[in-house]
Amino acid sequence: MAEKIVANHRIFRNDRFLLQMAIGPMPHREIMRGIELYGTKVAPLVRKALTPSEAGA
């Protein structure tokens, strides 16, 4: 998912990302786990990919 967000940013130069989850009958704990994974795994990868490196500055 991080790669897709970064790819879209490179095309559209967007500065915001809106997440919408179709949860249906998914148990609450699984929904919360998905949200947690976006915050702990996906978001850091996106930030790292979109932050200019120190070497290039």
PDB file of N, CA and C in Angstrom:
ATOM      1  N   MET A   1       0.820  -1.197   0.000  1.00  0.00           N
ATOM      2  CA  MET A   1       0.000   0.000   0.000  1.00  0.00           C
ATOM      3  C   MET A   1       0.861   1.257   0.000  1.00  0.00           C
ATOM      4  N   ALA A   2       1.973   1.234   0.722  1.00  0.00           N
ATOM      5  CA  ALA A   2       2.841   2.414   0.779  1.00  0.00           C
ATOM      6  C   ALA A   2       3.337   2.777  -0.614  1.00  0.00           C
ATOM      7  N   GLU A   3       3.702   1.767  -1.394  1.00  0.00           N
ATOM      8  CA  GLU A   3       4.203   2.022  -2.746  1.00  0.00           C
ATOM      9  C   GLU A   3       3.142   2.701  -3.610  1.00  0.00           C
ATOM     10  N   LYS A   4       1.898   2.294  -3.446  1.00  0.00           N
ATOM     11  CA  LYS A   4       0.804   2.872  -4.220  1.00  0.00           C
ATOM     12  C   LYS A   4       0.572   4.333  -3.828  1.00  0.00           C
ATOM     13  N   ILE A   5       0.638   4.634  -2.542  1.00  0.00           N
ATOM     14  CA  ILE A   5       0.465   6.012  -2.075  1.00  0.00           C
ATOM     15  C   ILE A   5       1.584   6.893  -2.622  1.00  0.00           C
ATOM     16  N   VAL A   6       2.818   6.400  -2.566  1.00  0.00           N
ATOM     17  CA  VAL A   6       3.969   7.160  -3.069  1.00  0.00           C
ATOM     18  C   VAL A   6       3.860   7.357  -4.580  1.00  0.00           C
ATOM     19  N   ALA A   7       3.475   6.326  -5.301  1.00  0.00           N
ATOM     20  CA  ALA A   7       3.326   6.435  -6.757  1.00  0.00           C
ATOM     21  C   ALA A   7       2.273   7.479  -7.119  1.00  0.00           C
ATOM     22  N   ASN A   8       1.151   7.469  -6.422  1.00  0.00           N
ATOM     23  CA  ASN A   8       0.111   8.462  -6.674  1.00  0.00           C
ATOM     24  C   ASN A   8       0.594   9.871  -6.350  1.00  0.00           C
ATOM     25  N   HIS A   9       1.371  10.002  -5.296  1.00  0.00           N
ATOM     26  CA  HIS A   9       1.923  11.310  -4.953  1.00  0.00           C
ATOM     27  C   HIS A   9       2.841  11.822  -6.064  1.00  0.00           C
ATOM     28  N   ARG A  10       3.645  10.958  -6.605  1.00  0.00           N
ATOM     29  CA  ARG A  10       4.572  11.373  -7.669  1.00  0.00           C
ATOM     30  C   ARG A  10       3.827  11.811  -8.930  1.00  0.00           C
ATOM     31  N   ILE A  11       2.671  11.227  -9.171  1.00  0.00           N
ATOM     32  CA  ILE A  11       1.859  11.614 -10.344  1.00  0.00           C
ATOM     33  C   ILE A  11       1.080  12.891 -10.075  1.00  0.00           C
ATOM     34  N   PHE A  12       0.367  12.942  -8.949  1.00  0.00           N
ATOM     35  CA  PHE A  12      -0.580  14.024  -8.684  1.00  0.00           C
ATOM     36  C   PHE A  12      -0.057  15.125  -7.766  1.00  0.00           C
ATOM     37  N   ARG A  13       1.089  14.889  -7.107  1.00  0.00           N
ATOM     38  CA  ARG A  13       1.685  15.855  -6.178  1.00  0.00           C
ATOM     39  C   ARG A  13       0.728  16.234  -5.047  1.00  0.00           C
ATOM     40  N   ASN A  14      -0.120  15.288  -4.649  1.00  0.00           N
ATOM     41  CA  ASN A  14      -1.055  15.531  -3.554  1.00  0.00           C
ATOM     42  C   ASN A  14      -0.297  15.638  -2.231  1.00  0.00           C
ATOM     43  N   ASP A  15      -0.860  16.377  -1.292  1.00  0.00           N
ATOM     44  CA  ASP A  15      -0.217  16.507   0.014  1.00  0.00           C
ATOM     45  C   ASP A  15      -1.095  15.954   1.139  1.00  0.00           C
ATOM     46  N   ARG A  16      -2.159  15.253   0.757  1.00  0.00           N
ATOM     47  CA  ARG A  16      -3.030  14.612   1.741  1.00  0.00           C
ATOM     48  C   ARG A  16      -3.452  13.252   1.225  1.00  0.00           C
ATOM     49  N   PHE A  17      -3.742  12.373   2.156  1.00  0.00           N
ATOM     50  CA  PHE A  17      -4.220  11.032   1.814  1.00  0.00           C
ATOM     51  C   PHE A  17      -5.436  10.741   2.678  1.00  0.00           C
ATOM     52  N   LEU A  18      -6.529  10.366   2.062  1.00  0.00           N
ATOM     53  CA  LEU A  18      -7.748  10.030   2.783  1.00  0.00           C
ATOM     54  C   LEU A  18      -7.971   8.526   2.683  1.00  0.00           C
ATOM     55  N   LEU A  19      -8.064   7.889   3.820  1.00  0.00           N
ATOM     56  CA  LEU A  19      -8.277   6.455   3.877  1.00  0.00           C
ATOM     57  C   LEU A  19      -9.744   6.183   4.169  1.00  0.00           C
ATOM     58  N   GLN A  20     -10.351   5.348   3.355  1.00  0.00           N
ATOM     59  CA  GLN A  20     -11.725   4.919   3.604  1.00  0.00           C
ATOM     60  C   GLN A  20     -11.727   3.399   3.562  1.00  0.00           C
ATOM     61  N   MET A  21     -12.195   2.801   4.629  1.00  0.00           N
ATOM     62  CA  MET A  21     -12.214   1.345   4.720  1.00  0.00           C
ATOM     63  C   MET A  21     -13.653   0.841   4.665  1.00  0.00           C
ATOM     64  N   ALA A  22     -13.908  -0.107   3.764  1.00  0.00           N
ATOM     65  CA  ALA A  22     -15.206  -0.781   3.730  1.00  0.00           C
ATOM     66  C   ALA A  22     -15.101  -1.965   4.688  1.00  0.00           C
ATOM     67  N   ILE A  23     -15.730  -1.831   5.828  1.00  0.00           N
ATOM     68  CA  ILE A  23     -15.510  -2.815   6.885  1.00  0.00           C
ATOM     69  C   ILE A  23     -16.574  -3.898   6.966  1.00  0.00           C
ATOM     70  N   GLY A  24     -17.776  -3.605   6.517  1.00  0.00           N
ATOM     71  CA  GLY A  24     -18.839  -4.604   6.552  1.00  0.00           C
ATOM     72  C   GLY A  24     -18.940  -5.281   7.910  1.00  0.00           C
ATOM     73  N   PRO A  25     -19.006  -6.605   7.904  1.00  0.00           N
ATOM     74  CA  PRO A  25     -19.169  -7.329   9.173  1.00  0.00           C
ATOM     75  C   PRO A  25     -17.838  -7.635   9.883  1.00  0.00           C
ATOM     76  N   MET A  26     -16.764  -6.931   9.525  1.00  0.00           N
ATOM     77  CA  MET A  26     -15.467  -7.194  10.134  1.00  0.00           C
ATOM     78  C   MET A  26     -15.499  -6.892  11.637  1.00  0.00           C
ATOM     79  N   PRO A  27     -14.924  -7.756  12.446  1.00  0.00           N
ATOM     80  CA  PRO A  27     -14.889  -7.516  13.896  1.00  0.00           C
ATOM     81  C   PRO A  27     -14.091  -6.247  14.241  1.00  0.00           C
ATOM     82  N   HIS A  28     -14.517  -5.586  15.309  1.00  0.00           N
ATOM     83  CA  HIS A  28     -13.905  -4.331  15.735  1.00  0.00           C
ATOM     84  C   HIS A  28     -12.396  -4.457  15.915  1.00  0.00           C
ATOM     85  N   ARG A  29     -11.929  -5.544  16.505  1.00  0.00           N
ATOM     86  CA  ARG A  29     -10.487  -5.699  16.758  1.00  0.00           C
ATOM     87  C   ARG A  29      -9.694  -5.737  15.450  1.00  0.00           C
ATOM     88  N   GLU A  30     -10.271  -6.305  14.401  1.00  0.00           N
ATOM     89  CA  GLU A  30      -9.587  -6.358  13.107  1.00  0.00           C
ATOM     90  C   GLU A  30      -9.556  -4.980  12.445  1.00  0.00           C
ATOM     91  N   ILE A  31     -10.623  -4.226  12.597  1.00  0.00           N
ATOM     92  CA  ILE A  31     -10.655  -2.853  12.080  1.00  0.00           C
ATOM     93  C   ILE A  31      -9.578  -2.030  12.770  1.00  0.00           C
ATOM     94  N   MET A  32      -9.519  -2.120  14.081  1.00  0.00           N
ATOM     95  CA  MET A  32      -8.524  -1.369  14.837  1.00  0.00           C
ATOM     96  C   MET A  32      -7.109  -1.807  14.479  1.00  0.00           C
ATOM     97  N   ARG A  33      -6.901  -3.070  14.227  1.00  0.00           N
ATOM     98  CA  ARG A  33      -5.578  -3.571  13.823  1.00  0.00           C
ATOM     99  C   ARG A  33      -5.187  -2.991  12.468  1.00  0.00           C
ATOM    100  N   GLY A  34      -6.127  -2.917  11.544  1.00  0.00           N
ATOM    101  CA  GLY A  34      -5.850  -2.325  10.237  1.00  0.00           C
ATOM    102  C   GLY A  34      -5.449  -0.863  10.349  1.00  0.00           C
ATOM    103  N   ILE A  35      -6.155  -0.127  11.182  1.00  0.00           N
ATOM    104  CA  ILE A  35      -5.825   1.286  11.413  1.00  0.00           C
ATOM    105  C   ILE A  35      -4.445   1.397  12.054  1.00  0.00           C
ATOM    106  N   GLU A  36      -4.171   0.529  13.017  1.00  0.00           N
ATOM    107  CA  GLU A  36      -2.863   0.527  13.668  1.00  0.00           C
ATOM    108  C   GLU A  36      -1.741   0.262  12.663  1.00  0.00           C
ATOM    109  N   LEU A  37      -1.948  -0.681  11.764  1.00  0.00           N
ATOM    110  CA  LEU A  37      -0.917  -1.006  10.777  1.00  0.00           C
ATOM    111  C   LEU A  37      -0.650   0.152   9.819  1.00  0.00           C
ATOM    112  N   TYR A  38      -1.684   0.883   9.450  1.00  0.00           N
ATOM    113  CA  TYR A  38      -1.456   2.073   8.615  1.00  0.00           C
ATOM    114  C   TYR A  38      -0.568   3.078   9.338  1.00  0.00           C
ATOM    115  N   GLY A  39      -0.821   3.258  10.619  1.00  0.00           N
ATOM    116  CA  GLY A  39      -0.049   4.230  11.378  1.00  0.00           C
ATOM    117  C   GLY A  39       1.364   3.786  11.705  1.00  0.00           C
ATOM    118  N   THR A  40       1.569   2.484  11.916  1.00  0.00           N
ATOM    119  CA  THR A  40       2.882   2.006  12.349  1.00  0.00           C
ATOM    120  C   THR A  40       3.741   1.431  11.242  1.00  0.00           C
ATOM    121  N   LYS A  41       3.135   0.995  10.162  1.00  0.00           N
ATOM    122  CA  LYS A  41       3.908   0.374   9.073  1.00  0.00           C
ATOM    123  C   LYS A  41       3.865   1.195   7.781  1.00  0.00           C
ATOM    124  N   VAL A  42       2.665   1.549   7.335  1.00  0.00           N
ATOM    125  CA  VAL A  42       2.520   2.228   6.047  1.00  0.00           C
ATOM    126  C   VAL A  42       2.972   3.686   6.121  1.00  0.00           C
ATOM    127  N   ALA A  43       2.454   4.437   7.078  1.00  0.00           N
ATOM    128  CA  ALA A  43       2.783   5.870   7.168  1.00  0.00           C
ATOM    129  C   ALA A  43       4.284   6.127   7.269  1.00  0.00           C
ATOM    130  N   PRO A  44       5.035   5.384   8.099  1.00  0.00           N
ATOM    131  CA  PRO A  44       6.480   5.637   8.152  1.00  0.00           C
ATOM    132  C   PRO A  44       7.183   5.381   6.811  1.00  0.00           C
ATOM    133  N   LEU A  45       6.744   4.371   6.077  1.00  0.00           N
ATOM    134  CA  LEU A  45       7.343   4.101   4.765  1.00  0.00           C
ATOM    135  C   LEU A  45       7.058   5.230   3.784  1.00  0.00           C
ATOM    136  N   VAL A  46       5.834   5.748   3.819  1.00  0.00           N
ATOM    137  CA  VAL A  46       5.463   6.858   2.934  1.00  0.00           C
ATOM    138  C   VAL A  46       6.269   8.102   3.295  1.00  0.00           C
ATOM    139  N   ARG A  47       6.346   8.409   4.594  1.00  0.00           N
ATOM    140  CA  ARG A  47       7.128   9.579   5.037  1.00  0.00           C
ATOM    141  C   ARG A  47       8.581   9.466   4.589  1.00  0.00           C
ATOM    142  N   LYS A  48       9.154   8.292   4.768  1.00  0.00           N
ATOM    143  CA  LYS A  48      10.560   8.090   4.397  1.00  0.00           C
ATOM    144  C   LYS A  48      10.758   8.285   2.887  1.00  0.00           C
ATOM    145  N   ALA A  49       9.842   7.743   2.099  1.00  0.00           N
ATOM    146  CA  ALA A  49       9.959   7.843   0.643  1.00  0.00           C
ATOM    147  C   ALA A  49       9.766   9.271   0.149  1.00  0.00           C
ATOM    148  N   LEU A  50       8.986  10.066   0.861  1.00  0.00           N
ATOM    149  CA  LEU A  50       8.671  11.423   0.392  1.00  0.00           C
ATOM    150  C   LEU A  50       9.490  12.522   1.058  1.00  0.00           C
ATOM    151  N   THR A  51      10.351  12.160   2.002  1.00  0.00           N
ATOM    152  CA  THR A  51      11.189  13.151   2.679  1.00  0.00           C
ATOM    153  C   THR A  51      12.507  13.272   1.936  1.00  0.00           C
ATOM    154  N   PRO A  52      12.877  14.504   1.567  1.00  0.00           N
ATOM    155  CA  PRO A  52      14.169  14.669   0.879  1.00  0.00           C
ATOM    156  C   PRO A  52      15.310  14.165   1.759  1.00  0.00           C
ATOM    157  N   SER A  53      16.271  13.508   1.140  1.00  0.00           N
ATOM    158  CA  SER A  53      17.388  12.957   1.916  1.00  0.00           C
ATOM    159  C   SER A  53      18.355  14.061   2.324  1.00  0.00           C
ATOM    160  N   GLU A  54      19.077  13.808   3.385  1.00  0.00           N
ATOM    161  CA  GLU A  54      20.087  14.753   3.874  1.00  0.00           C
ATOM    162  C   GLU A  54      21.189  14.934   2.825  1.00  0.00           C
ATOM    163  N   ALA A  55      21.529  13.851   2.120  1.00  0.00           N
ATOM    164  CA  ALA A  55      22.620  13.905   1.139  1.00  0.00           C
ATOM    165  C   ALA A  55      22.281  14.822  -0.031  1.00  0.00           C
ATOM    166  N   GLY A  56      20.988  14.869  -0.380  1.00  0.00           N
ATOM    167  CA  GLY A  56      20.586  15.711  -1.512  1.00  0.00           C
ATOM    168  C   GLY A  56      20.409  17.158  -1.161  1.00  0.00           C
ATOM    169  N   ALA A  57      20.456  17.510   0.112  1.00  0.00           N
ATOM    170  CA  ALA A  57      20.211  18.881   0.552  1.00  0.00           C
ATOM    171  C   ALA A  57      21.470  19.714   0.445  1.00  0.00           C
TER     172      ALA A  57
END
